[in-house]
Amino acid sequence: MKILITKDTMSEIYLDAVWIRQKVFVQEQGVPSNLEIDGNEAYAVHFVLYTDDKQAAATVRLLPLDEKTFKLQRMAVLKAYRGQDLGTAIVEEAELFAKQHQFKTIELGAQLSAEKFYQKLGYNAYGEIFQDAGIDHIHMKKEF
């Protein structure tokens, strides 16, 4: 397994991230494409996890909110690779990146179905349930 990172929206890594997101969010969950790809793509740091046979299998992005806080977004694992702890691996890599760049907090909006996943990684829920792309979410954050 290898995790590659890019901010270059013209790179193969970024295109792999978008491909995974299209499969998971647009095709599986019915999120409209125009909501999935947004105006923050060029400002975010994109992570893609590749399997040992070089298949793009998981992705996440970090969007800086300020000089100390990232928002973790678009975390997705392809259906064929779920249950193998790839989501944990890619989130932990994003957290390591945040720490290495002196960020102190990661916030996210978790789909309710993923709340327990993020709790196991040390994220705490707060606030009210909200809708994003027609899916129930909860705010969560982790401080380092």
C-alpha atoms as a PDB file:
ATOM      1  CA  MET A   1       0.000   0.000   0.000  1.00  0.00           C
ATOM      2  CA  LYS A   2       1.160   3.496  -0.837  1.00  0.00           C
ATOM      3  CA  ILE A   3      -0.498   6.867  -0.215  1.00  0.00           C
ATOM      4  CA  LEU A   4       0.316   9.714  -2.584  1.00  0.00           C
ATOM      5  CA  ILE A   5      -0.486  13.379  -1.986  1.00  0.00           C
ATOM      6  CA  THR A   6      -1.073  16.240  -4.423  1.00  0.00           C
ATOM      7  CA  LYS A   7      -2.405  19.767  -4.725  1.00  0.00           C
ATOM      8  CA  ASP A   8      -2.095  19.621  -8.534  1.00  0.00           C
ATOM      9  CA  THR A   9      -5.563  19.268 -10.049  1.00  0.00           C
ATOM     10  CA  MET A  10      -3.989  18.266 -13.359  1.00  0.00           C
ATOM     11  CA  SER A  11      -2.100  15.302 -11.874  1.00  0.00           C
ATOM     12  CA  GLU A  12      -2.901  11.611 -12.238  1.00  0.00           C
ATOM     13  CA  ILE A  13      -3.214  11.380  -8.448  1.00  0.00           C
ATOM     14  CA  TYR A  14      -5.950  14.018  -8.415  1.00  0.00           C
ATOM     15  CA  LEU A  15      -7.727  12.345 -11.341  1.00  0.00           C
ATOM     16  CA  ASP A  16      -7.655   9.053  -9.426  1.00  0.00           C
ATOM     17  CA  ALA A  17      -9.185  10.832  -6.403  1.00  0.00           C
ATOM     18  CA  VAL A  18     -12.000  12.231  -8.553  1.00  0.00           C
ATOM     19  CA  TRP A  19     -12.588   8.806 -10.143  1.00  0.00           C
ATOM     20  CA  ILE A  20     -13.008   7.189  -6.699  1.00  0.00           C
ATOM     21  CA  ARG A  21     -15.309   9.991  -5.549  1.00  0.00           C
ATOM     22  CA  GLN A  22     -17.437   9.641  -8.689  1.00  0.00           C
ATOM     23  CA  LYS A  23     -17.805   5.894  -8.078  1.00  0.00           C
ATOM     24  CA  VAL A  24     -18.679   6.216  -4.378  1.00  0.00           C
ATOM     25  CA  PHE A  25     -20.554   9.481  -4.038  1.00  0.00           C
ATOM     26  CA  VAL A  26     -22.155  10.004  -7.448  1.00  0.00           C
ATOM     27  CA  GLN A  27     -22.829   6.435  -8.609  1.00  0.00           C
ATOM     28  CA  GLU A  28     -23.418   4.677  -5.263  1.00  0.00           C
ATOM     29  CA  GLN A  29     -24.949   7.455  -3.183  1.00  0.00           C
ATOM     30  CA  GLY A  30     -26.606   9.566  -5.852  1.00  0.00           C
ATOM     31  CA  VAL A  31     -24.810  12.822  -5.040  1.00  0.00           C
ATOM     32  CA  PRO A  32     -25.099  15.218  -8.018  1.00  0.00           C
ATOM     33  CA  SER A  33     -21.780  15.618  -9.870  1.00  0.00           C
ATOM     34  CA  ASN A  34     -21.991  19.403  -9.618  1.00  0.00           C
ATOM     35  CA  LEU A  35     -21.952  19.116  -5.802  1.00  0.00           C
ATOM     36  CA  GLU A  36     -19.188  16.537  -5.699  1.00  0.00           C
ATOM     37  CA  ILE A  37     -16.633  18.622  -7.612  1.00  0.00           C
ATOM     38  CA  ASP A  38     -16.607  22.089  -6.106  1.00  0.00           C
ATOM     39  CA  GLY A  39     -14.681  25.346  -6.163  1.00  0.00           C
ATOM     40  CA  ASN A  40     -12.347  24.176  -3.399  1.00  0.00           C
ATOM     41  CA  GLU A  41     -10.546  21.495  -5.419  1.00  0.00           C
ATOM     42  CA  ALA A  42      -7.499  23.675  -6.139  1.00  0.00           C
ATOM     43  CA  TYR A  43      -7.198  24.761  -2.483  1.00  0.00           C
ATOM     44  CA  ALA A  44      -7.336  21.255  -1.012  1.00  0.00           C
ATOM     45  CA  VAL A  45      -4.640  18.665  -0.438  1.00  0.00           C
ATOM     46  CA  HIS A  46      -5.707  15.385  -2.065  1.00  0.00           C
ATOM     47  CA  PHE A  47      -4.654  11.931  -0.825  1.00  0.00           C
ATOM     48  CA  VAL A  48      -5.028   8.673  -2.750  1.00  0.00           C
ATOM     49  CA  LEU A  49      -4.291   5.227  -1.350  1.00  0.00           C
ATOM     50  CA  TYR A  50      -2.981   2.727  -3.874  1.00  0.00           C
ATOM     51  CA  THR A  51      -2.980  -1.018  -3.267  1.00  0.00           C
ATOM     52  CA  ASP A  52       0.145  -3.120  -3.737  1.00  0.00           C
ATOM     53  CA  ASP A  53      -1.029  -3.832  -7.294  1.00  0.00           C
ATOM     54  CA  LYS A  54      -1.204  -0.056  -7.946  1.00  0.00           C
ATOM     55  CA  GLN A  55      -5.012   0.250  -7.888  1.00  0.00           C
ATOM     56  CA  ALA A  56      -6.444   3.530  -6.582  1.00  0.00           C
ATOM     57  CA  ALA A  57      -8.692   2.332  -3.738  1.00  0.00           C
ATOM     58  CA  ALA A  58      -9.351   5.216  -1.311  1.00  0.00           C
ATOM     59  CA  THR A  59      -9.204   8.992  -1.185  1.00  0.00           C
ATOM     60  CA  VAL A  60      -9.649  11.960   1.128  1.00  0.00           C
ATOM     61  CA  ARG A  61      -8.944  15.672   0.911  1.00  0.00           C
ATOM     62  CA  LEU A  62      -7.931  18.294   3.457  1.00  0.00           C
ATOM     63  CA  LEU A  63      -9.191  21.828   2.949  1.00  0.00           C
ATOM     64  CA  PRO A  64      -7.494  24.529   5.039  1.00  0.00           C
ATOM     65  CA  LEU A  65     -10.048  26.644   6.909  1.00  0.00           C
ATOM     66  CA  ASP A  66      -7.406  28.813   8.570  1.00  0.00           C
ATOM     67  CA  GLU A  67      -3.739  28.462   9.540  1.00  0.00           C
ATOM     68  CA  LYS A  68      -4.507  25.903  12.285  1.00  0.00           C
ATOM     69  CA  THR A  69      -7.598  24.014  11.066  1.00  0.00           C
ATOM     70  CA  PHE A  70      -8.163  21.615   8.201  1.00  0.00           C
ATOM     71  CA  LYS A  71     -11.545  20.302   7.108  1.00  0.00           C
ATOM     72  CA  LEU A  72     -11.379  16.628   6.167  1.00  0.00           C
ATOM     73  CA  GLN A  73     -13.669  15.956   3.209  1.00  0.00           C
ATOM     74  CA  ARG A  74     -14.534  13.489   0.462  1.00  0.00           C
ATOM     75  CA  MET A  75     -13.264  10.395   2.292  1.00  0.00           C
ATOM     76  CA  ALA A  76     -14.183   7.413   0.146  1.00  0.00           C
ATOM     77  CA  VAL A  77     -13.132   3.791  -0.227  1.00  0.00           C
ATOM     78  CA  LEU A  78     -14.150   1.819  -3.300  1.00  0.00           C
ATOM     79  CA  LYS A  79     -16.686  -0.894  -2.504  1.00  0.00           C
ATOM     80  CA  ALA A  80     -14.316  -3.742  -3.442  1.00  0.00           C
ATOM     81  CA  TYR A  81     -11.767  -2.557  -0.853  1.00  0.00           C
ATOM     82  CA  ARG A  82     -14.014  -1.857   2.147  1.00  0.00           C
ATOM     83  CA  GLY A  83     -13.428  -3.733   5.383  1.00  0.00           C
ATOM     84  CA  GLN A  84      -9.641  -3.700   4.926  1.00  0.00           C
ATOM     85  CA  ASP A  85      -8.909  -0.656   7.140  1.00  0.00           C
ATOM     86  CA  LEU A  86      -7.974   1.484   4.135  1.00  0.00           C
ATOM     87  CA  GLY A  87     -10.219   4.296   5.390  1.00  0.00           C
ATOM     88  CA  THR A  88      -8.347   4.298   8.688  1.00  0.00           C
ATOM     89  CA  ALA A  89      -4.986   4.295   6.891  1.00  0.00           C
ATOM     90  CA  ILE A  90      -5.816   7.253   4.665  1.00  0.00           C
ATOM     91  CA  VAL A  91      -7.353   9.328   7.484  1.00  0.00           C
ATOM     92  CA  GLU A  92      -4.298   8.652   9.663  1.00  0.00           C
ATOM     93  CA  GLU A  93      -2.049   9.772   6.786  1.00  0.00           C
ATOM     94  CA  ALA A  94      -4.076  12.990   6.458  1.00  0.00           C
ATOM     95  CA  GLU A  95      -3.751  13.552  10.219  1.00  0.00           C
ATOM     96  CA  LEU A  96       0.014  13.031  10.022  1.00  0.00           C
ATOM     97  CA  PHE A  97       0.202  15.580   7.194  1.00  0.00           C
ATOM     98  CA  ALA A  98      -1.800  18.063   9.280  1.00  0.00           C
ATOM     99  CA  LYS A  99       0.479  17.605  12.304  1.00  0.00           C
ATOM    100  CA  GLN A 100       3.636  17.912  10.178  1.00  0.00           C
ATOM    101  CA  HIS A 101       2.325  21.259   8.901  1.00  0.00           C
ATOM    102  CA  GLN A 102       1.554  22.524  12.435  1.00  0.00           C
ATOM    103  CA  PHE A 103      -2.222  22.299  12.135  1.00  0.00           C
ATOM    104  CA  LYS A 104      -3.984  21.762  15.479  1.00  0.00           C
ATOM    105  CA  THR A 105      -7.520  20.708  14.509  1.00  0.00           C
ATOM    106  CA  ILE A 106      -9.315  18.652  11.893  1.00  0.00           C
ATOM    107  CA  GLU A 107     -13.043  19.213  11.460  1.00  0.00           C
ATOM    108  CA  LEU A 108     -15.383  17.203   9.282  1.00  0.00           C
ATOM    109  CA  GLY A 109     -19.004  16.582   8.442  1.00  0.00           C
ATOM    110  CA  ALA A 110     -19.513  12.825   8.789  1.00  0.00           C
ATOM    111  CA  GLN A 111     -22.328  10.953   7.156  1.00  0.00           C
ATOM    112  CA  LEU A 112     -24.267   9.476  10.076  1.00  0.00           C
ATOM    113  CA  SER A 113     -23.389   5.992   8.833  1.00  0.00           C
ATOM    114  CA  ALA A 114     -19.682   6.880   9.308  1.00  0.00           C
ATOM    115  CA  GLU A 115     -19.945   8.533  12.745  1.00  0.00           C
ATOM    116  CA  LYS A 116     -18.707   5.447  14.636  1.00  0.00           C
ATOM    117  CA  PHE A 117     -15.774   5.091  12.228  1.00  0.00           C
ATOM    118  CA  TYR A 118     -14.594   8.611  13.048  1.00  0.00           C
ATOM    119  CA  GLN A 119     -15.277   8.172  16.789  1.00  0.00           C
ATOM    120  CA  LYS A 120     -12.873   5.194  16.794  1.00  0.00           C
ATOM    121  CA  LEU A 121     -10.252   7.531  15.314  1.00  0.00           C
ATOM    122  CA  GLY A 122     -10.748  10.056  18.122  1.00  0.00           C
ATOM    123  CA  TYR A 123     -13.213  12.498  16.547  1.00  0.00           C
ATOM    124  CA  ASN A 124     -15.972  13.989  18.695  1.00  0.00           C
ATOM    125  CA  ALA A 125     -19.441  14.828  17.398  1.00  0.00           C
ATOM    126  CA  TYR A 126     -21.026  18.193  18.129  1.00  0.00           C
ATOM    127  CA  GLY A 127     -24.015  20.251  17.036  1.00  0.00           C
ATOM    128  CA  GLU A 128     -27.148  19.199  15.250  1.00  0.00           C
ATOM    129  CA  ILE A 129     -27.605  16.715  12.435  1.00  0.00           C
ATOM    130  CA  PHE A 130     -27.573  18.505   9.084  1.00  0.00           C
ATOM    131  CA  GLN A 131     -28.180  17.616   5.451  1.00  0.00           C
ATOM    132  CA  ASP A 132     -25.457  17.700   2.819  1.00  0.00           C
ATOM    133  CA  ALA A 133     -26.364  16.538  -0.698  1.00  0.00           C
ATOM    134  CA  GLY A 134     -29.545  15.053   0.768  1.00  0.00           C
ATOM    135  CA  ILE A 135     -27.626  12.858   3.249  1.00  0.00           C
ATOM    136  CA  ASP A 136     -27.726  13.243   7.060  1.00  0.00           C
ATOM    137  CA  HIS A 137     -24.396  14.374   8.544  1.00  0.00           C
ATOM    138  CA  ILE A 138     -22.996  15.335  11.940  1.00  0.00           C
ATOM    139  CA  HIS A 139     -20.177  17.780  12.698  1.00  0.00           C
ATOM    140  CA  MET A 140     -17.083  16.190  14.220  1.00  0.00           C
ATOM    141  CA  LYS A 141     -13.609  17.363  15.158  1.00  0.00           C
ATOM    142  CA  LYS A 142     -10.305  16.204  16.550  1.00  0.00           C
ATOM    143  CA  GLU A 143      -7.683  18.371  18.205  1.00  0.00           C
ATOM    144  CA  PHE A 144      -4.009  17.445  18.383  1.00  0.00           C
END
